[in-house]
């Protein structure tokens, strides 16, 4: 297991759009996931990101602030960084949120197929 250390004091864990959980579906293709509002402790938030990583099979990043994020890869332990995901294609509810260029349509279609297969357990 891991020890996230002492939570940063004075931080409202649901202010300014944080925390945010991001799943890496493919290289450069990310999806936002909801974070339960009852999770307020930093350790609980990081463990939730670790659980979503294990249950989905996708790498996750629990973003606690603009320079406070915890990455987790399947089979691995969370790792702290000051650099949350910032480039690529962001998807929310299967829709594009941000596109770096127009040539991503094939990647998005591949993502949708893989996502559907994983949801159906294929």
PDB file of N, CA and C in Angstrom:
ATOM      1  N   UNK A   1       0.842  -1.174   0.000  1.00  0.00           N
ATOM      2  CA  UNK A   1       0.000   0.000   0.000  1.00  0.00           C
ATOM      3  C   UNK A   1       0.889   1.239   0.000  1.00  0.00           C
ATOM      4  N   UNK A   2       0.297   2.379  -0.018  1.00  0.00           N
ATOM      5  CA  UNK A   2       1.039   3.613  -0.130  1.00  0.00           C
ATOM      6  C   UNK A   2       0.675   4.539   1.020  1.00  0.00           C
ATOM      7  N   UNK A   3       1.471   5.550   1.220  1.00  0.00           N
ATOM      8  CA  UNK A   3       1.177   6.562   2.222  1.00  0.00           C
ATOM      9  C   UNK A   3       1.241   7.911   1.539  1.00  0.00           C
ATOM     10  N   UNK A   4       0.082   8.566   1.344  1.00  0.00           N
ATOM     11  CA  UNK A   4       0.109   9.853   0.672  1.00  0.00           C
ATOM     12  C   UNK A   4       0.684  10.962   1.529  1.00  0.00           C
ATOM     13  N   UNK A   5       1.023  10.659   2.763  1.00  0.00           N
ATOM     14  CA  UNK A   5       1.585  11.671   3.631  1.00  0.00           C
ATOM     15  C   UNK A   5       0.488  12.537   4.237  1.00  0.00           C
ATOM     16  N   UNK A   6       0.877  13.642   4.764  1.00  0.00           N
ATOM     17  CA  UNK A   6      -0.068  14.537   5.407  1.00  0.00           C
ATOM     18  C   UNK A   6      -0.823  15.354   4.366  1.00  0.00           C
ATOM     19  N   UNK A   7      -2.162  15.358   4.434  1.00  0.00           N
ATOM     20  CA  UNK A   7      -2.920  16.173   3.481  1.00  0.00           C
ATOM     21  C   UNK A   7      -2.552  17.647   3.619  1.00  0.00           C
ATOM     22  N   UNK A   8      -2.594  18.351   2.516  1.00  0.00           N
ATOM     23  CA  UNK A   8      -2.323  19.766   2.544  1.00  0.00           C
ATOM     24  C   UNK A   8      -3.456  20.467   3.285  1.00  0.00           C
ATOM     25  N   UNK A   9      -3.124  21.199   4.313  1.00  0.00           N
ATOM     26  CA  UNK A   9      -4.157  21.810   5.146  1.00  0.00           C
ATOM     27  C   UNK A   9      -4.816  22.984   4.438  1.00  0.00           C
ATOM     28  N   UNK A  10      -6.056  23.249   4.828  1.00  0.00           N
ATOM     29  CA  UNK A  10      -6.772  24.391   4.293  1.00  0.00           C
ATOM     30  C   UNK A  10      -7.322  24.189   2.897  1.00  0.00           C
ATOM     31  N   UNK A  11      -7.270  22.978   2.359  1.00  0.00           N
ATOM     32  CA  UNK A  11      -7.749  22.733   0.989  1.00  0.00           C
ATOM     33  C   UNK A  11      -9.155  22.168   1.043  1.00  0.00           C
ATOM     34  N   UNK A  12     -10.099  22.839   0.370  1.00  0.00           N
ATOM     35  CA  UNK A  12     -11.450  22.299   0.239  1.00  0.00           C
ATOM     36  C   UNK A  12     -11.388  21.277  -0.884  1.00  0.00           C
ATOM     37  N   UNK A  13     -11.612  19.974  -0.581  1.00  0.00           N
ATOM     38  CA  UNK A  13     -11.392  18.944  -1.584  1.00  0.00           C
ATOM     39  C   UNK A  13     -12.385  18.949  -2.748  1.00  0.00           C
ATOM     40  N   UNK A  14     -13.441  19.759  -2.700  1.00  0.00           N
ATOM     41  CA  UNK A  14     -14.375  19.792  -3.825  1.00  0.00           C
ATOM     42  C   UNK A  14     -14.536  21.207  -4.379  1.00  0.00           C
ATOM     43  N   UNK A  15     -13.563  22.062  -4.138  1.00  0.00           N
ATOM     44  CA  UNK A  15     -13.617  23.430  -4.657  1.00  0.00           C
ATOM     45  C   UNK A  15     -12.918  23.519  -6.009  1.00  0.00           C
ATOM     46  N   UNK A  16     -13.331  24.455  -6.817  1.00  0.00           N
ATOM     47  CA  UNK A  16     -12.672  24.755  -8.099  1.00  0.00           C
ATOM     48  C   UNK A  16     -12.585  23.553  -9.038  1.00  0.00           C
ATOM     49  N   UNK A  17     -13.551  22.646  -8.997  1.00  0.00           N
ATOM     50  CA  UNK A  17     -13.548  21.511  -9.909  1.00  0.00           C
ATOM     51  C   UNK A  17     -12.655  20.364  -9.495  1.00  0.00           C
ATOM     52  N   UNK A  18     -12.070  20.433  -8.321  1.00  0.00           N
ATOM     53  CA  UNK A  18     -11.227  19.356  -7.824  1.00  0.00           C
ATOM     54  C   UNK A  18     -11.924  18.685  -6.662  1.00  0.00           C
ATOM     55  N   UNK A  19     -11.731  17.434  -6.441  1.00  0.00           N
ATOM     56  CA  UNK A  19     -10.872  16.523  -7.200  1.00  0.00           C
ATOM     57  C   UNK A  19     -11.544  16.089  -8.498  1.00  0.00           C
ATOM     58  N   UNK A  20     -10.715  15.648  -9.435  1.00  0.00           N
ATOM     59  CA  UNK A  20     -11.178  15.113 -10.708  1.00  0.00           C
ATOM     60  C   UNK A  20     -10.450  13.798 -10.944  1.00  0.00           C
ATOM     61  N   UNK A  21     -11.183  12.771 -11.329  1.00  0.00           N
ATOM     62  CA  UNK A  21     -10.556  11.502 -11.680  1.00  0.00           C
ATOM     63  C   UNK A  21     -10.532  11.387 -13.195  1.00  0.00           C
ATOM     64  N   UNK A  22      -9.372  11.086 -13.736  1.00  0.00           N
ATOM     65  CA  UNK A  22      -9.198  10.962 -15.185  1.00  0.00           C
ATOM     66  C   UNK A  22      -8.710   9.552 -15.493  1.00  0.00           C
ATOM     67  N   UNK A  23      -9.381   8.890 -16.436  1.00  0.00           N
ATOM     68  CA  UNK A  23      -8.949   7.577 -16.919  1.00  0.00           C
ATOM     69  C   UNK A  23      -8.243   7.765 -18.246  1.00  0.00           C
ATOM     70  N   UNK A  24      -7.085   7.096 -18.417  1.00  0.00           N
ATOM     71  CA  UNK A  24      -6.371   7.128 -19.691  1.00  0.00           C
ATOM     72  C   UNK A  24      -6.837   5.925 -20.494  1.00  0.00           C
ATOM     73  N   UNK A  25      -7.658   6.191 -21.513  1.00  0.00           N
ATOM     74  CA  UNK A  25      -8.245   5.129 -22.316  1.00  0.00           C
ATOM     75  C   UNK A  25      -7.288   4.639 -23.386  1.00  0.00           C
ATOM     76  N   UNK A  26      -6.618   5.539 -24.020  1.00  0.00           N
ATOM     77  CA  UNK A  26      -5.585   5.279 -25.023  1.00  0.00           C
ATOM     78  C   UNK A  26      -4.558   6.384 -24.875  1.00  0.00           C
ATOM     79  N   UNK A  27      -3.414   6.251 -25.488  1.00  0.00           N
ATOM     80  CA  UNK A  27      -2.429   7.317 -25.439  1.00  0.00           C
ATOM     81  C   UNK A  27      -3.053   8.595 -25.992  1.00  0.00           C
ATOM     82  N   UNK A  28      -3.098   9.618 -25.174  1.00  0.00           N
ATOM     83  CA  UNK A  28      -3.648  10.898 -25.588  1.00  0.00           C
ATOM     84  C   UNK A  28      -5.164  10.991 -25.566  1.00  0.00           C
ATOM     85  N   UNK A  29      -5.859   9.952 -25.078  1.00  0.00           N
ATOM     86  CA  UNK A  29      -7.324   9.980 -24.992  1.00  0.00           C
ATOM     87  C   UNK A  29      -7.711   9.717 -23.540  1.00  0.00           C
ATOM     88  N   UNK A  30      -8.383  10.696 -22.941  1.00  0.00           N
ATOM     89  CA  UNK A  30      -8.725  10.641 -21.530  1.00  0.00           C
ATOM     90  C   UNK A  30     -10.219  10.788 -21.332  1.00  0.00           C
ATOM     91  N   UNK A  31     -10.701  10.303 -20.170  1.00  0.00           N
ATOM     92  CA  UNK A  31     -12.114  10.424 -19.831  1.00  0.00           C
ATOM     93  C   UNK A  31     -12.241  10.848 -18.378  1.00  0.00           C
ATOM     94  N   UNK A  32     -13.104  11.833 -18.137  1.00  0.00           N
ATOM     95  CA  UNK A  32     -13.398  12.253 -16.780  1.00  0.00           C
ATOM     96  C   UNK A  32     -14.325  11.256 -16.114  1.00  0.00           C
ATOM     97  N   UNK A  33     -14.129  11.029 -14.823  1.00  0.00           N
ATOM     98  CA  UNK A  33     -15.027  10.187 -14.034  1.00  0.00           C
ATOM     99  C   UNK A  33     -15.491  10.997 -12.826  1.00  0.00           C
ATOM    100  N   UNK A  34     -16.697  10.722 -12.379  1.00  0.00           N
ATOM    101  CA  UNK A  34     -17.213  11.395 -11.194  1.00  0.00           C
ATOM    102  C   UNK A  34     -16.500  10.900  -9.947  1.00  0.00           C
ATOM    103  N   UNK A  35     -16.317  11.805  -9.008  1.00  0.00           N
ATOM    104  CA  UNK A  35     -15.742  11.474  -7.705  1.00  0.00           C
ATOM    105  C   UNK A  35     -16.861  11.653  -6.683  1.00  0.00           C
ATOM    106  N   UNK A  36     -17.148  10.620  -5.883  1.00  0.00           N
ATOM    107  CA  UNK A  36     -18.213  10.753  -4.880  1.00  0.00           C
ATOM    108  C   UNK A  36     -17.971  11.945  -3.956  1.00  0.00           C
ATOM    109  N   UNK A  37     -19.012  12.728  -3.734  1.00  0.00           N
ATOM    110  CA  UNK A  37     -18.904  13.934  -2.902  1.00  0.00           C
ATOM    111  C   UNK A  37     -18.571  13.615  -1.446  1.00  0.00           C
ATOM    112  N   UNK A  38     -18.885  12.387  -1.006  1.00  0.00           N
ATOM    113  CA  UNK A  38     -18.603  12.051   0.386  1.00  0.00           C
ATOM    114  C   UNK A  38     -17.119  11.763   0.629  1.00  0.00           C
ATOM    115  N   UNK A  39     -16.321  11.674  -0.420  1.00  0.00           N
ATOM    116  CA  UNK A  39     -14.877  11.482  -0.245  1.00  0.00           C
ATOM    117  C   UNK A  39     -14.230  12.847  -0.090  1.00  0.00           C
ATOM    118  N   UNK A  40     -13.695  13.111   1.080  1.00  0.00           N
ATOM    119  CA  UNK A  40     -13.068  14.408   1.331  1.00  0.00           C
ATOM    120  C   UNK A  40     -11.622  14.272   1.787  1.00  0.00           C
ATOM    121  N   UNK A  41     -11.279  13.133   2.345  1.00  0.00           N
ATOM    122  CA  UNK A  41      -9.927  12.898   2.829  1.00  0.00           C
ATOM    123  C   UNK A  41      -9.013  12.554   1.648  1.00  0.00           C
ATOM    124  N   UNK A  42      -7.814  13.131   1.616  1.00  0.00           N
ATOM    125  CA  UNK A  42      -6.891  12.899   0.514  1.00  0.00           C
ATOM    126  C   UNK A  42      -6.584  11.415   0.328  1.00  0.00           C
ATOM    127  N   UNK A  43      -6.377  10.707   1.418  1.00  0.00           N
ATOM    128  CA  UNK A  43      -6.066   9.274   1.320  1.00  0.00           C
ATOM    129  C   UNK A  43      -7.236   8.516   0.690  1.00  0.00           C
ATOM    130  N   UNK A  44      -8.478   8.839   1.084  1.00  0.00           N
ATOM    131  CA  UNK A  44      -9.658   8.199   0.495  1.00  0.00           C
ATOM    132  C   UNK A  44      -9.749   8.474  -1.005  1.00  0.00           C
ATOM    133  N   UNK A  45      -9.452   9.714  -1.396  1.00  0.00           N
ATOM    134  CA  UNK A  45      -9.512  10.085  -2.811  1.00  0.00           C
ATOM    135  C   UNK A  45      -8.486   9.297  -3.621  1.00  0.00           C
ATOM    136  N   UNK A  46      -7.286   9.183  -3.100  1.00  0.00           N
ATOM    137  CA  UNK A  46      -6.227   8.451  -3.792  1.00  0.00           C
ATOM    138  C   UNK A  46      -6.589   6.968  -3.879  1.00  0.00           C
ATOM    139  N   UNK A  47      -7.128   6.409  -2.798  1.00  0.00           N
ATOM    140  CA  UNK A  47      -7.547   5.006  -2.809  1.00  0.00           C
ATOM    141  C   UNK A  47      -8.690   4.780  -3.799  1.00  0.00           C
ATOM    142  N   UNK A  48      -9.592   5.757  -3.932  1.00  0.00           N
ATOM    143  CA  UNK A  48     -10.667   5.648  -4.915  1.00  0.00           C
ATOM    144  C   UNK A  48     -10.072   5.589  -6.329  1.00  0.00           C
ATOM    145  N   UNK A  49      -9.090   6.444  -6.620  1.00  0.00           N
ATOM    146  CA  UNK A  49      -8.419   6.402  -7.920  1.00  0.00           C
ATOM    147  C   UNK A  49      -7.726   5.077  -8.161  1.00  0.00           C
ATOM    148  N   UNK A  50      -7.103   4.533  -7.122  1.00  0.00           N
ATOM    149  CA  UNK A  50      -6.437   3.235  -7.217  1.00  0.00           C
ATOM    150  C   UNK A  50      -7.460   2.124  -7.483  1.00  0.00           C
ATOM    151  N   UNK A  51      -8.604   2.182  -6.805  1.00  0.00           N
ATOM    152  CA  UNK A  51      -9.667   1.188  -7.002  1.00  0.00           C
ATOM    153  C   UNK A  51     -10.221   1.259  -8.425  1.00  0.00           C
ATOM    154  N   UNK A  52     -10.471   2.474  -8.943  1.00  0.00           N
ATOM    155  CA  UNK A  52     -10.993   2.623 -10.309  1.00  0.00           C
ATOM    156  C   UNK A  52      -9.983   2.105 -11.324  1.00  0.00           C
ATOM    157  N   UNK A  53      -8.711   2.279 -11.059  1.00  0.00           N
ATOM    158  CA  UNK A  53      -7.667   1.753 -11.933  1.00  0.00           C
ATOM    159  C   UNK A  53      -7.752   0.234 -11.983  1.00  0.00           C
ATOM    160  N   UNK A  54      -7.830  -0.382 -10.817  1.00  0.00           N
ATOM    161  CA  UNK A  54      -7.878  -1.850 -10.752  1.00  0.00           C
ATOM    162  C   UNK A  54      -9.167  -2.394 -11.365  1.00  0.00           C
ATOM    163  N   UNK A  55     -10.295  -1.733 -11.105  1.00  0.00           N
ATOM    164  CA  UNK A  55     -11.577  -2.260 -11.592  1.00  0.00           C
ATOM    165  C   UNK A  55     -11.808  -1.998 -13.071  1.00  0.00           C
ATOM    166  N   UNK A  56     -11.233  -0.926 -13.624  1.00  0.00           N
ATOM    167  CA  UNK A  56     -11.444  -0.599 -15.040  1.00  0.00           C
ATOM    168  C   UNK A  56     -10.366  -1.173 -15.946  1.00  0.00           C
ATOM    169  N   UNK A  57      -9.174  -1.386 -15.389  1.00  0.00           N
ATOM    170  CA  UNK A  57      -8.050  -1.822 -16.212  1.00  0.00           C
ATOM    171  C   UNK A  57      -7.360  -0.684 -16.930  1.00  0.00           C
ATOM    172  N   UNK A  58      -7.798   0.550 -16.684  1.00  0.00           N
ATOM    173  CA  UNK A  58      -7.184   1.732 -17.293  1.00  0.00           C
ATOM    174  C   UNK A  58      -6.324   2.453 -16.265  1.00  0.00           C
ATOM    175  N   UNK A  59      -5.276   3.115 -16.720  1.00  0.00           N
ATOM    176  CA  UNK A  59      -4.498   3.980 -15.841  1.00  0.00           C
ATOM    177  C   UNK A  59      -5.385   5.138 -15.412  1.00  0.00           C
ATOM    178  N   UNK A  60      -5.183   5.597 -14.184  1.00  0.00           N
ATOM    179  CA  UNK A  60      -5.973   6.716 -13.676  1.00  0.00           C
ATOM    180  C   UNK A  60      -5.071   7.819 -13.164  1.00  0.00           C
ATOM    181  N   UNK A  61      -5.669   9.002 -13.044  1.00  0.00           N
ATOM    182  CA  UNK A  61      -4.991  10.119 -12.401  1.00  0.00           C
ATOM    183  C   UNK A  61      -6.022  10.837 -11.543  1.00  0.00           C
ATOM    184  N   UNK A  62      -5.812  10.822 -10.229  1.00  0.00           N
ATOM    185  CA  UNK A  62      -6.666  11.570  -9.311  1.00  0.00           C
ATOM    186  C   UNK A  62      -6.045  12.953  -9.175  1.00  0.00           C
ATOM    187  N   UNK A  63      -6.716  13.940  -9.742  1.00  0.00           N
ATOM    188  CA  UNK A  63      -6.208  15.305  -9.736  1.00  0.00           C
ATOM    189  C   UNK A  63      -6.842  16.037  -8.563  1.00  0.00           C
ATOM    190  N   UNK A  64      -6.006  16.428  -7.607  1.00  0.00           N
ATOM    191  CA  UNK A  64      -6.480  17.102  -6.406  1.00  0.00           C
ATOM    192  C   UNK A  64      -6.359  18.619  -6.515  1.00  0.00           C
ATOM    193  N   UNK A  65      -5.580  19.071  -7.464  1.00  0.00           N
ATOM    194  CA  UNK A  65      -5.377  20.498  -7.683  1.00  0.00           C
ATOM    195  C   UNK A  65      -4.537  20.698  -8.923  1.00  0.00           C
ATOM    196  N   UNK A  66      -4.321  21.952  -9.309  1.00  0.00           N
ATOM    197  CA  UNK A  66      -3.581  22.211 -10.547  1.00  0.00           C
ATOM    198  C   UNK A  66      -2.159  21.653 -10.562  1.00  0.00           C
ATOM    199  N   UNK A  67      -1.556  21.462  -9.402  1.00  0.00           N
ATOM    200  CA  UNK A  67      -0.203  20.898  -9.316  1.00  0.00           C
ATOM    201  C   UNK A  67      -0.138  19.791  -8.273  1.00  0.00           C
ATOM    202  N   UNK A  68      -1.219  19.011  -8.212  1.00  0.00           N
ATOM    203  CA  UNK A  68      -1.303  17.958  -7.197  1.00  0.00           C
ATOM    204  C   UNK A  68      -2.101  16.798  -7.780  1.00  0.00           C
ATOM    205  N   UNK A  69      -1.401  15.749  -8.219  1.00  0.00           N
ATOM    206  CA  UNK A  69      -2.063  14.621  -8.871  1.00  0.00           C
ATOM    207  C   UNK A  69      -1.389  13.312  -8.476  1.00  0.00           C
ATOM    208  N   UNK A  70      -2.189  12.233  -8.511  1.00  0.00           N
ATOM    209  CA  UNK A  70      -1.706  10.891  -8.200  1.00  0.00           C
ATOM    210  C   UNK A  70      -2.043   9.973  -9.361  1.00  0.00           C
ATOM    211  N   UNK A  71      -1.005   9.461 -10.041  1.00  0.00           N
ATOM    212  CA  UNK A  71      -1.185   8.508 -11.143  1.00  0.00           C
ATOM    213  C   UNK A  71      -1.164   7.086 -10.598  1.00  0.00           C
ATOM    214  N   UNK A  72      -1.949   6.219 -11.231  1.00  0.00           N
ATOM    215  CA  UNK A  72      -1.918   4.802 -10.888  1.00  0.00           C
ATOM    216  C   UNK A  72      -2.065   3.985 -12.169  1.00  0.00           C
ATOM    217  N   UNK A  73      -1.173   3.042 -12.369  1.00  0.00           N
ATOM    218  CA  UNK A  73      -1.245   2.109 -13.490  1.00  0.00           C
ATOM    219  C   UNK A  73      -1.752   0.774 -12.976  1.00  0.00           C
ATOM    220  N   UNK A  74      -2.485   0.006 -13.821  1.00  0.00           N
ATOM    221  CA  UNK A  74      -2.964  -1.306 -13.372  1.00  0.00           C
ATOM    222  C   UNK A  74      -1.811  -2.142 -12.800  1.00  0.00           C
ATOM    223  N   UNK A  75      -2.035  -2.686 -11.620  1.00  0.00           N
ATOM    224  CA  UNK A  75      -1.017  -3.505 -10.973  1.00  0.00           C
ATOM    225  C   UNK A  75       0.041  -2.710 -10.246  1.00  0.00           C
ATOM    226  N   UNK A  76      -0.081  -1.385 -10.254  1.00  0.00           N
ATOM    227  CA  UNK A  76       0.929  -0.554  -9.616  1.00  0.00           C
ATOM    228  C   UNK A  76       0.367   0.220  -8.435  1.00  0.00           C
ATOM    229  N   UNK A  77       1.227   0.991  -7.809  1.00  0.00           N
ATOM    230  CA  UNK A  77       0.843   1.838  -6.688  1.00  0.00           C
ATOM    231  C   UNK A  77       0.761   3.283  -7.156  1.00  0.00           C
ATOM    232  N   UNK A  78      -0.064   4.099  -6.508  1.00  0.00           N
ATOM    233  CA  UNK A  78      -0.159   5.511  -6.875  1.00  0.00           C
ATOM    234  C   UNK A  78       1.182   6.235  -6.734  1.00  0.00           C
ATOM    235  N   UNK A  79       1.427   7.136  -7.667  1.00  0.00           N
ATOM    236  CA  UNK A  79       2.656   7.922  -7.685  1.00  0.00           C
ATOM    237  C   UNK A  79       2.283   9.403  -7.768  1.00  0.00           C
ATOM    238  N   UNK A  80       2.848  10.211  -6.880  1.00  0.00           N
ATOM    239  CA  UNK A  80       2.525  11.635  -6.851  1.00  0.00           C
ATOM    240  C   UNK A  80       3.288  12.399  -7.931  1.00  0.00           C
ATOM    241  N   UNK A  81       2.640  13.422  -8.472  1.00  0.00           N
ATOM    242  CA  UNK A  81       3.266  14.301  -9.447  1.00  0.00           C
ATOM    243  C   UNK A  81       2.656  15.688  -9.334  1.00  0.00           C
ATOM    244  N   UNK A  82       3.357  16.670  -9.844  1.00  0.00           N
ATOM    245  CA  UNK A  82       2.822  18.030  -9.933  1.00  0.00           C
ATOM    246  C   UNK A  82       2.310  18.325 -11.337  1.00  0.00           C
ATOM    247  N   UNK A  83       2.241  17.292 -12.208  1.00  0.00           N
ATOM    248  CA  UNK A  83       1.831  17.492 -13.600  1.00  0.00           C
ATOM    249  C   UNK A  83       0.657  16.587 -13.966  1.00  0.00           C
ATOM    250  N   UNK A  84      -0.590  17.041 -13.761  1.00  0.00           N
ATOM    251  CA  UNK A  84      -1.736  16.251 -14.213  1.00  0.00           C
ATOM    252  C   UNK A  84      -1.818  16.238 -15.731  1.00  0.00           C
ATOM    253  N   UNK A  85      -2.622  15.334 -16.320  1.00  0.00           N
ATOM    254  CA  UNK A  85      -2.764  15.307 -17.779  1.00  0.00           C
ATOM    255  C   UNK A  85      -3.195  16.677 -18.298  1.00  0.00           C
ATOM    256  N   UNK A  86      -2.588  17.107 -19.396  1.00  0.00           N
ATOM    257  CA  UNK A  86      -2.915  18.439 -19.907  1.00  0.00           C
ATOM    258  C   UNK A  86      -3.080  18.493 -21.418  1.00  0.00           C
ATOM    259  N   UNK A  87      -2.698  17.457 -22.128  1.00  0.00           N
ATOM    260  CA  UNK A  87      -2.811  17.473 -23.590  1.00  0.00           C
ATOM    261  C   UNK A  87      -3.523  16.230 -24.057  1.00  0.00           C
ATOM    262  N   UNK A  88      -4.083  16.298 -25.236  1.00  0.00           N
ATOM    263  CA  UNK A  88      -4.755  15.146 -25.796  1.00  0.00           C
ATOM    264  C   UNK A  88      -6.230  15.410 -25.978  1.00  0.00           C
ATOM    265  N   UNK A  89      -6.986  14.351 -26.085  1.00  0.00           N
ATOM    266  CA  UNK A  89      -8.422  14.422 -26.303  1.00  0.00           C
ATOM    267  C   UNK A  89      -9.118  14.101 -24.994  1.00  0.00           C
ATOM    268  N   UNK A  90      -9.948  15.012 -24.535  1.00  0.00           N
ATOM    269  CA  UNK A  90     -10.701  14.779 -23.320  1.00  0.00           C
ATOM    270  C   UNK A  90     -12.121  14.404 -23.703  1.00  0.00           C
ATOM    271  N   UNK A  91     -12.618  13.317 -23.117  1.00  0.00           N
ATOM    272  CA  UNK A  91     -13.975  12.853 -23.380  1.00  0.00           C
ATOM    273  C   UNK A  91     -14.775  12.915 -22.088  1.00  0.00           C
ATOM    274  N   UNK A  92     -16.037  13.297 -22.211  1.00  0.00           N
ATOM    275  CA  UNK A  92     -16.934  13.307 -21.073  1.00  0.00           C
ATOM    276  C   UNK A  92     -18.267  12.767 -21.552  1.00  0.00           C
ATOM    277  N   UNK A  93     -18.722  11.691 -20.930  1.00  0.00           N
ATOM    278  CA  UNK A  93     -19.958  11.018 -21.358  1.00  0.00           C
ATOM    279  C   UNK A  93     -19.911  10.646 -22.837  1.00  0.00           C
ATOM    280  N   UNK A  94     -18.752  10.203 -23.309  1.00  0.00           N
ATOM    281  CA  UNK A  94     -18.602   9.764 -24.687  1.00  0.00           C
ATOM    282  C   UNK A  94     -18.521  10.890 -25.693  1.00  0.00           C
ATOM    283  N   UNK A  95     -18.443  12.139 -25.229  1.00  0.00           N
ATOM    284  CA  UNK A  95     -18.372  13.279 -26.142  1.00  0.00           C
ATOM    285  C   UNK A  95     -17.022  13.976 -26.010  1.00  0.00           C
ATOM    286  N   UNK A  96     -16.564  14.524 -27.112  1.00  0.00           N
ATOM    287  CA  UNK A  96     -15.307  15.263 -27.083  1.00  0.00           C
ATOM    288  C   UNK A  96     -15.464  16.525 -26.254  1.00  0.00           C
ATOM    289  N   UNK A  97     -14.484  16.772 -25.385  1.00  0.00           N
ATOM    290  CA  UNK A  97     -14.471  17.992 -24.601  1.00  0.00           C
ATOM    291  C   UNK A  97     -13.424  18.942 -25.166  1.00  0.00           C
ATOM    292  N   UNK A  98     -12.256  18.406 -25.514  1.00  0.00           N
ATOM    293  CA  UNK A  98     -11.185  19.229 -26.073  1.00  0.00           C
ATOM    294  C   UNK A  98     -10.438  18.405 -27.099  1.00  0.00           C
ATOM    295  N   UNK A  99     -10.155  18.994 -28.246  1.00  0.00           N
ATOM    296  CA  UNK A  99      -9.444  18.298 -29.312  1.00  0.00           C
ATOM    297  C   UNK A  99      -8.228  19.138 -29.694  1.00  0.00           C
ATOM    298  N   UNK A 100      -7.055  18.492 -29.722  1.00  0.00           N
ATOM    299  CA  UNK A 100      -5.836  19.194 -30.104  1.00  0.00           C
ATOM    300  C   UNK A 100      -5.758  19.398 -31.621  1.00  0.00           C
ATOM    301  N   UNK A 101      -6.274  18.433 -32.398  1.00  0.00           N
ATOM    302  CA  UNK A 101      -6.321  18.604 -33.851  1.00  0.00           C
ATOM    303  C   UNK A 101      -7.427  17.723 -34.419  1.00  0.00           C
ATOM    304  N   UNK A 102      -7.733  17.914 -35.669  1.00  0.00           N
ATOM    305  CA  UNK A 102      -8.874  17.232 -36.285  1.00  0.00           C
ATOM    306  C   UNK A 102      -8.607  15.777 -36.660  1.00  0.00           C
ATOM    307  N   UNK A 103      -7.379  15.306 -36.597  1.00  0.00           N
ATOM    308  CA  UNK A 103      -7.064  13.943 -37.030  1.00  0.00           C
ATOM    309  C   UNK A 103      -7.331  12.888 -35.953  1.00  0.00           C
ATOM    310  N   UNK A 104      -8.058  13.262 -34.918  1.00  0.00           N
ATOM    311  CA  UNK A 104      -8.278  12.333 -33.804  1.00  0.00           C
ATOM    312  C   UNK A 104      -9.522  11.461 -33.982  1.00  0.00           C
ATOM    313  N   UNK A 105     -10.300  11.663 -35.018  1.00  0.00           N
ATOM    314  CA  UNK A 105     -11.548  10.913 -35.171  1.00  0.00           C
ATOM    315  C   UNK A 105     -11.331   9.407 -35.146  1.00  0.00           C
ATOM    316  N   UNK A 106     -10.302   8.888 -35.800  1.00  0.00           N
ATOM    317  CA  UNK A 106     -10.042   7.447 -35.804  1.00  0.00           C
ATOM    318  C   UNK A 106      -9.717   6.960 -34.396  1.00  0.00           C
ATOM    319  N   UNK A 107      -8.955   7.749 -33.644  1.00  0.00           N
ATOM    320  CA  UNK A 107      -8.605   7.375 -32.270  1.00  0.00           C
ATOM    321  C   UNK A 107      -9.857   7.356 -31.402  1.00  0.00           C
ATOM    322  N   UNK A 108     -10.720   8.347 -31.576  1.00  0.00           N
ATOM    323  CA  UNK A 108     -11.946   8.409 -30.781  1.00  0.00           C
ATOM    324  C   UNK A 108     -12.842   7.217 -31.106  1.00  0.00           C
ATOM    325  N   UNK A 109     -12.964   6.869 -32.377  1.00  0.00           N
ATOM    326  CA  UNK A 109     -13.770   5.707 -32.749  1.00  0.00           C
ATOM    327  C   UNK A 109     -13.200   4.429 -32.138  1.00  0.00           C
ATOM    328  N   UNK A 110     -11.869   4.294 -32.130  1.00  0.00           N
ATOM    329  CA  UNK A 110     -11.234   3.125 -31.517  1.00  0.00           C
ATOM    330  C   UNK A 110     -11.523   3.105 -30.020  1.00  0.00           C
ATOM    331  N   UNK A 111     -11.425   4.252 -29.385  1.00  0.00           N
ATOM    332  CA  UNK A 111     -11.734   4.361 -27.954  1.00  0.00           C
ATOM    333  C   UNK A 111     -13.151   3.889 -27.671  1.00  0.00           C
ATOM    334  N   UNK A 112     -14.113   4.370 -28.441  1.00  0.00           N
ATOM    335  CA  UNK A 112     -15.515   4.031 -28.210  1.00  0.00           C
ATOM    336  C   UNK A 112     -15.723   2.514 -28.329  1.00  0.00           C
ATOM    337  N   UNK A 113     -15.085   1.890 -29.300  1.00  0.00           N
ATOM    338  CA  UNK A 113     -15.218   0.442 -29.477  1.00  0.00           C
ATOM    339  C   UNK A 113     -14.614  -0.308 -28.295  1.00  0.00           C
ATOM    340  N   UNK A 114     -13.416   0.080 -27.876  1.00  0.00           N
ATOM    341  CA  UNK A 114     -12.753  -0.564 -26.736  1.00  0.00           C
ATOM    342  C   UNK A 114     -13.569  -0.351 -25.470  1.00  0.00           C
ATOM    343  N   UNK A 115     -14.059   0.862 -25.271  1.00  0.00           N
ATOM    344  CA  UNK A 115     -14.843   1.170 -24.068  1.00  0.00           C
ATOM    345  C   UNK A 115     -16.107   0.322 -24.018  1.00  0.00           C
ATOM    346  N   UNK A 116     -16.820   0.224 -25.140  1.00  0.00           N
ATOM    347  CA  UNK A 116     -18.032  -0.583 -25.194  1.00  0.00           C
ATOM    348  C   UNK A 116     -17.737  -2.047 -24.898  1.00  0.00           C
ATOM    349  N   UNK A 117     -16.642  -2.559 -25.433  1.00  0.00           N
ATOM    350  CA  UNK A 117     -16.278  -3.957 -25.195  1.00  0.00           C
ATOM    351  C   UNK A 117     -15.975  -4.191 -23.720  1.00  0.00           C
ATOM    352  N   UNK A 118     -15.262  -3.274 -23.086  1.00  0.00           N
ATOM    353  CA  UNK A 118     -14.929  -3.436 -21.665  1.00  0.00           C
ATOM    354  C   UNK A 118     -16.178  -3.342 -20.799  1.00  0.00           C
ATOM    355  N   UNK A 119     -17.097  -2.451 -21.153  1.00  0.00           N
ATOM    356  CA  UNK A 119     -18.330  -2.322 -20.377  1.00  0.00           C
ATOM    357  C   UNK A 119     -19.159  -3.601 -20.478  1.00  0.00           C
ATOM    358  N   UNK A 120     -19.141  -4.247 -21.649  1.00  0.00           N
ATOM    359  CA  UNK A 120     -19.902  -5.464 -21.860  1.00  0.00           C
ATOM    360  C   UNK A 120     -19.146  -6.709 -21.408  1.00  0.00           C
ATOM    361  N   UNK A 121     -17.908  -6.546 -20.960  1.00  0.00           N
ATOM    362  CA  UNK A 121     -17.118  -7.668 -20.457  1.00  0.00           C
ATOM    363  C   UNK A 121     -16.551  -8.553 -21.542  1.00  0.00           C
ATOM    364  N   UNK A 122     -16.431  -8.046 -22.764  1.00  0.00           N
ATOM    365  CA  UNK A 122     -15.866  -8.850 -23.865  1.00  0.00           C
ATOM    366  C   UNK A 122     -14.370  -8.740 -23.883  1.00  0.00           C
TER     367      UNK A 122
END
